C-alpha atoms as a PDB file:
ATOM      1  CA  MET A   1      17.932  -7.466 -41.454  1.00  0.00           C
ATOM      2  CA  VAL A   2      21.264  -5.660 -40.759  1.00  0.00           C
ATOM      3  CA  LYS A   3      23.459  -5.183 -43.829  1.00  0.00           C
ATOM      4  CA  GLU A   4      26.790  -3.694 -42.632  1.00  0.00           C
ATOM      5  CA  VAL A   5      28.442  -1.557 -39.956  1.00  0.00           C
ATOM      6  CA  MET A   6      28.189   2.050 -41.204  1.00  0.00           C
ATOM      7  CA  HIS A   7      30.439   3.656 -38.571  1.00  0.00           C
ATOM      8  CA  ILE A   8      31.550   3.283 -34.961  1.00  0.00           C
ATOM      9  CA  GLY A   9      30.629   6.302 -32.830  1.00  0.00           C
ATOM     10  CA  VAL A  10      32.774   7.540 -29.953  1.00  0.00           C
ATOM     11  CA  THR A  11      31.737  10.503 -27.792  1.00  0.00           C
ATOM     12  CA  VAL A  12      34.738  12.698 -27.009  1.00  0.00           C
ATOM     13  CA  SER A  13      35.321  15.754 -24.828  1.00  0.00           C
ATOM     14  CA  ASP A  14      37.746  17.662 -27.101  1.00  0.00           C
ATOM     15  CA  MET A  15      37.400  17.240 -30.865  1.00  0.00           C
ATOM     16  CA  GLU A  16      40.776  18.737 -31.822  1.00  0.00           C
ATOM     17  CA  ARG A  17      42.631  16.538 -29.329  1.00  0.00           C
ATOM     18  CA  SER A  18      40.746  13.420 -30.421  1.00  0.00           C
ATOM     19  CA  VAL A  19      41.123  14.067 -34.167  1.00  0.00           C
ATOM     20  CA  ALA A  20      44.853  14.637 -33.611  1.00  0.00           C
ATOM     21  CA  PHE A  21      45.120  11.342 -31.689  1.00  0.00           C
ATOM     22  CA  TYR A  22      43.172   9.182 -34.151  1.00  0.00           C
ATOM     23  CA  ARG A  23      44.842  10.875 -37.160  1.00  0.00           C
ATOM     24  CA  ASP A  24      48.405  11.576 -36.014  1.00  0.00           C
ATOM     25  CA  VAL A  25      49.026   8.789 -33.495  1.00  0.00           C
ATOM     26  CA  LEU A  26      46.884   5.965 -34.944  1.00  0.00           C
ATOM     27  CA  GLY A  27      47.275   7.004 -38.597  1.00  0.00           C
ATOM     28  CA  LEU A  28      43.585   7.177 -39.548  1.00  0.00           C
ATOM     29  CA  THR A  29      42.617   9.466 -42.421  1.00  0.00           C
ATOM     30  CA  PHE A  30      40.451  12.482 -41.588  1.00  0.00           C
ATOM     31  CA  GLN A  31      37.423  12.385 -43.901  1.00  0.00           C
ATOM     32  CA  GLY A  32      35.601  15.528 -42.777  1.00  0.00           C
ATOM     33  CA  GLU A  33      33.269  16.911 -40.161  1.00  0.00           C
ATOM     34  CA  LEU A  34      29.854  18.492 -39.746  1.00  0.00           C
ATOM     35  CA  ILE A  35      27.612  20.196 -37.191  1.00  0.00           C
ATOM     36  CA  MET A  36      24.253  18.649 -36.317  1.00  0.00           C
ATOM     37  CA  GLU A  37      21.449  20.726 -34.777  1.00  0.00           C
ATOM     38  CA  GLY A  38      17.723  21.263 -35.075  1.00  0.00           C
ATOM     39  CA  LYS A  39      14.550  19.336 -34.340  1.00  0.00           C
ATOM     40  CA  GLU A  40      15.776  16.053 -35.827  1.00  0.00           C
ATOM     41  CA  THR A  41      19.049  16.246 -33.877  1.00  0.00           C
ATOM     42  CA  ASP A  42      17.127  16.946 -30.643  1.00  0.00           C
ATOM     43  CA  LEU A  43      14.967  13.883 -31.273  1.00  0.00           C
ATOM     44  CA  LEU A  44      17.873  11.658 -32.331  1.00  0.00           C
ATOM     45  CA  PHE A  45      19.970  12.457 -29.236  1.00  0.00           C
ATOM     46  CA  ASP A  46      16.951  12.859 -26.901  1.00  0.00           C
ATOM     47  CA  ARG A  47      18.090  16.368 -25.883  1.00  0.00           C
ATOM     48  CA  GLU A  48      16.652  19.886 -26.147  1.00  0.00           C
ATOM     49  CA  ASN A  49      18.603  22.474 -28.156  1.00  0.00           C
ATOM     50  CA  CYS A  50      21.185  19.825 -28.956  1.00  0.00           C
ATOM     51  CA  LYS A  51      24.211  20.781 -31.020  1.00  0.00           C
ATOM     52  CA  VAL A  52      26.952  18.259 -31.809  1.00  0.00           C
ATOM     53  CA  ARG A  53      30.143  18.344 -33.816  1.00  0.00           C
ATOM     54  CA  VAL A  54      30.839  15.139 -35.714  1.00  0.00           C
ATOM     55  CA  ALA A  55      34.086  14.098 -37.425  1.00  0.00           C
ATOM     56  CA  TYR A  56      34.840  10.982 -39.457  1.00  0.00           C
ATOM     57  CA  LEU A  57      38.161   9.156 -39.733  1.00  0.00           C
ATOM     58  CA  ASN A  58      39.020   5.912 -41.479  1.00  0.00           C
ATOM     59  CA  GLY A  59      42.148   3.837 -41.818  1.00  0.00           C
ATOM     60  CA  SER A  60      41.277   1.796 -44.854  1.00  0.00           C
ATOM     61  CA  GLU A  61      40.272   2.142 -48.457  1.00  0.00           C
ATOM     62  CA  GLU A  62      38.374  -1.141 -48.112  1.00  0.00           C
ATOM     63  CA  VAL A  63      34.720  -0.738 -49.043  1.00  0.00           C
ATOM     64  CA  MET A  64      33.424  -2.494 -45.921  1.00  0.00           C
ATOM     65  CA  ALA A  65      35.739  -0.792 -43.407  1.00  0.00           C
ATOM     66  CA  PRO A  66      33.540   1.435 -41.226  1.00  0.00           C
ATOM     67  CA  PRO A  67      34.883   4.847 -40.201  1.00  0.00           C
ATOM     68  CA  ILE A  68      35.261   6.048 -36.635  1.00  0.00           C
ATOM     69  CA  GLU A  69      32.697   8.764 -35.907  1.00  0.00           C
ATOM     70  CA  LEU A  70      33.856  11.195 -33.216  1.00  0.00           C
ATOM     71  CA  ILE A  71      30.997  13.070 -31.526  1.00  0.00           C
ATOM     72  CA  GLN A  72      31.460  16.153 -29.350  1.00  0.00           C
ATOM     73  CA  PHE A  73      28.445  17.729 -27.664  1.00  0.00           C
ATOM     74  CA  LEU A  74      28.675  21.514 -28.068  1.00  0.00           C
ATOM     75  CA  SER A  75      25.392  22.379 -26.341  1.00  0.00           C
ATOM     76  CA  GLU A  76      26.344  20.611 -23.115  1.00  0.00           C
ATOM     77  CA  THR A  77      29.217  18.697 -21.576  1.00  0.00           C
ATOM     78  CA  ALA A  78      28.968  14.966 -22.166  1.00  0.00           C
ATOM     79  CA  GLU A  79      28.965  12.876 -19.025  1.00  0.00           C
ATOM     80  CA  ALA A  80      32.306  11.156 -18.544  1.00  0.00           C
ATOM     81  CA  ASP A  81      32.202   7.461 -17.728  1.00  0.00           C
ATOM     82  CA  ALA A  82      35.218   5.290 -16.979  1.00  0.00           C
ATOM     83  CA  SER A  83      35.823   2.752 -19.740  1.00  0.00           C
ATOM     84  CA  LYS A  84      36.319  -0.725 -18.255  1.00  0.00           C
ATOM     85  CA  LEU A  85      36.773  -4.055 -19.973  1.00  0.00           C
ATOM     86  CA  ALA A  86      34.809  -5.931 -17.284  1.00  0.00           C
ATOM     87  CA  LYS A  87      31.747  -3.672 -17.546  1.00  0.00           C
ATOM     88  CA  THR A  88      28.610  -4.412 -19.534  1.00  0.00           C
ATOM     89  CA  SER A  89      28.946  -1.988 -22.433  1.00  0.00           C
ATOM     90  CA  ILE A  90      30.904  -1.773 -25.651  1.00  0.00           C
ATOM     91  CA  SER A  91      34.272  -2.759 -24.220  1.00  0.00           C
ATOM     92  CA  GLU A  92      36.657  -1.695 -27.004  1.00  0.00           C
ATOM     93  CA  ILE A  93      37.245  -0.980 -30.673  1.00  0.00           C
ATOM     94  CA  CYS A  94      39.821  -3.277 -32.272  1.00  0.00           C
ATOM     95  CA  PHE A  95      42.197  -2.177 -35.044  1.00  0.00           C
ATOM     96  CA  LYS A  96      44.118  -4.697 -37.155  1.00  0.00           C
ATOM     97  CA  VAL A  97      47.851  -3.997 -37.523  1.00  0.00           C
ATOM     98  CA  CYS A  98      50.681  -5.727 -39.391  1.00  0.00           C
ATOM     99  CA  ASP A  99      53.469  -5.202 -36.814  1.00  0.00           C
ATOM    100  CA  ILE A 100      52.014  -4.817 -33.326  1.00  0.00           C
ATOM    101  CA  ASP A 101      55.438  -4.552 -31.675  1.00  0.00           C
ATOM    102  CA  ALA A 102      56.378  -1.542 -33.821  1.00  0.00           C
ATOM    103  CA  VAL A 103      52.974   0.085 -33.234  1.00  0.00           C
ATOM    104  CA  TYR A 104      53.335  -0.532 -29.475  1.00  0.00           C
ATOM    105  CA  LYS A 105      56.701   1.291 -29.507  1.00  0.00           C
ATOM    106  CA  HIS A 106      55.036   4.138 -31.462  1.00  0.00           C
ATOM    107  CA  LEU A 107      52.249   4.385 -28.864  1.00  0.00           C
ATOM    108  CA  ILE A 108      54.733   4.447 -25.982  1.00  0.00           C
ATOM    109  CA  ALA A 109      56.821   7.122 -27.768  1.00  0.00           C
ATOM    110  CA  ASN A 110      53.628   9.215 -28.043  1.00  0.00           C
ATOM    111  CA  HIS A 111      52.848   8.781 -24.307  1.00  0.00           C
ATOM    112  CA  VAL A 112      49.739   6.680 -24.951  1.00  0.00           C
ATOM    113  CA  GLU A 113      48.527   4.705 -21.930  1.00  0.00           C
ATOM    114  CA  CYS A 114      48.836   0.997 -22.760  1.00  0.00           C
ATOM    115  CA  LEU A 115      47.306  -1.614 -20.463  1.00  0.00           C
ATOM    116  CA  SER A 116      50.059  -4.104 -21.368  1.00  0.00           C
ATOM    117  CA  ALA A 117      52.721  -4.890 -23.924  1.00  0.00           C
ATOM    118  CA  PRO A 118      51.556  -7.066 -26.871  1.00  0.00           C
ATOM    119  CA  GLN A 119      50.429 -10.515 -25.710  1.00  0.00           C
ATOM    120  CA  PHE A 120      50.511 -13.729 -27.811  1.00  0.00           C
ATOM    121  CA  PHE A 121      47.424 -15.955 -28.047  1.00  0.00           C
ATOM    122  CA  ASP A 122      47.082 -19.371 -29.716  1.00  0.00           C
ATOM    123  CA  PHE A 123      43.423 -20.188 -30.348  1.00  0.00           C
ATOM    124  CA  THR A 124      44.043 -22.669 -33.191  1.00  0.00           C
ATOM    125  CA  SER A 125      42.334 -25.435 -31.195  1.00  0.00           C
ATOM    126  CA  SER A 126      39.165 -23.280 -31.200  1.00  0.00           C
ATOM    127  CA  GLY A 127      39.457 -22.442 -34.911  1.00  0.00           C
ATOM    128  CA  PHE A 128      40.591 -18.822 -34.462  1.00  0.00           C
ATOM    129  CA  GLY A 129      44.324 -19.068 -35.157  1.00  0.00           C
ATOM    130  CA  LYS A 130      47.183 -17.207 -33.522  1.00  0.00           C
ATOM    131  CA  SER A 131      47.367 -13.513 -32.755  1.00  0.00           C
ATOM    132  CA  LYS A 132      49.040 -10.817 -30.716  1.00  0.00           C
ATOM    133  CA  ALA A 133      46.920  -8.179 -28.992  1.00  0.00           C
ATOM    134  CA  LEU A 134      47.081  -5.250 -26.610  1.00  0.00           C
ATOM    135  CA  TYR A 135      44.693  -2.739 -25.105  1.00  0.00           C
ATOM    136  CA  PHE A 136      45.372   0.999 -24.842  1.00  0.00           C
ATOM    137  CA  LYS A 137      43.409   4.191 -24.174  1.00  0.00           C
ATOM    138  CA  ASP A 138      42.525   7.224 -26.270  1.00  0.00           C
ATOM    139  CA  PRO A 139      42.761  10.756 -24.775  1.00  0.00           C
ATOM    140  CA  ASP A 140      39.343  10.375 -23.087  1.00  0.00           C
ATOM    141  CA  GLY A 141      40.280   7.005 -21.565  1.00  0.00           C
ATOM    142  CA  ILE A 142      38.235   4.990 -24.078  1.00  0.00           C
ATOM    143  CA  ILE A 143      39.710   1.512 -24.432  1.00  0.00           C
ATOM    144  CA  LEU A 144      40.982   0.512 -27.866  1.00  0.00           C
ATOM    145  CA  GLU A 145      42.659  -2.699 -29.018  1.00  0.00           C
ATOM    146  CA  LEU A 146      45.330  -3.599 -31.540  1.00  0.00           C
ATOM    147  CA  MET A 147      45.484  -7.087 -33.036  1.00  0.00           C
ATOM    148  CA  GLU A 148      47.991  -8.733 -35.353  1.00  0.00           C
ATOM    149  CA  ASN A 149      47.297 -12.095 -36.969  1.00  0.00           C
ATOM    150  CA  VAL A 150      50.315 -14.367 -36.476  1.00  0.00           C
ATOM    151  CA  LYS A 151      51.134 -17.357 -38.678  1.00  0.00           C
END
């Protein structure tokens, strides 16, 4: 039924700030943006007179790598909700990195809120191998994850 992940949408409060974070701090490539409005947009978002600004960023040239879709509501202020790992919802978006310790230092240097330093996990007994991971927050407090596969 489902074929592939087309994009991962994140509602943001300030498009410029969020594009700068995902592009300049995380290193994703800005692919472009558009404005959505009209009858179809109203129906899609279940809003009247809905107008949204949408930007796309991607960090990979891989065919199956879905872009991040940033959505900012222009016709109204989006309701802010605290992102929590122990809450039923989408808990985080995970990005693969090659050197998590170096990326962690980069995040700290850019004043990004990290929930911990990189942590090592050995799940070889469960068939998942070894990895290092950490959680951090984007400018709107949305939880993101970094993961490095470790041999």
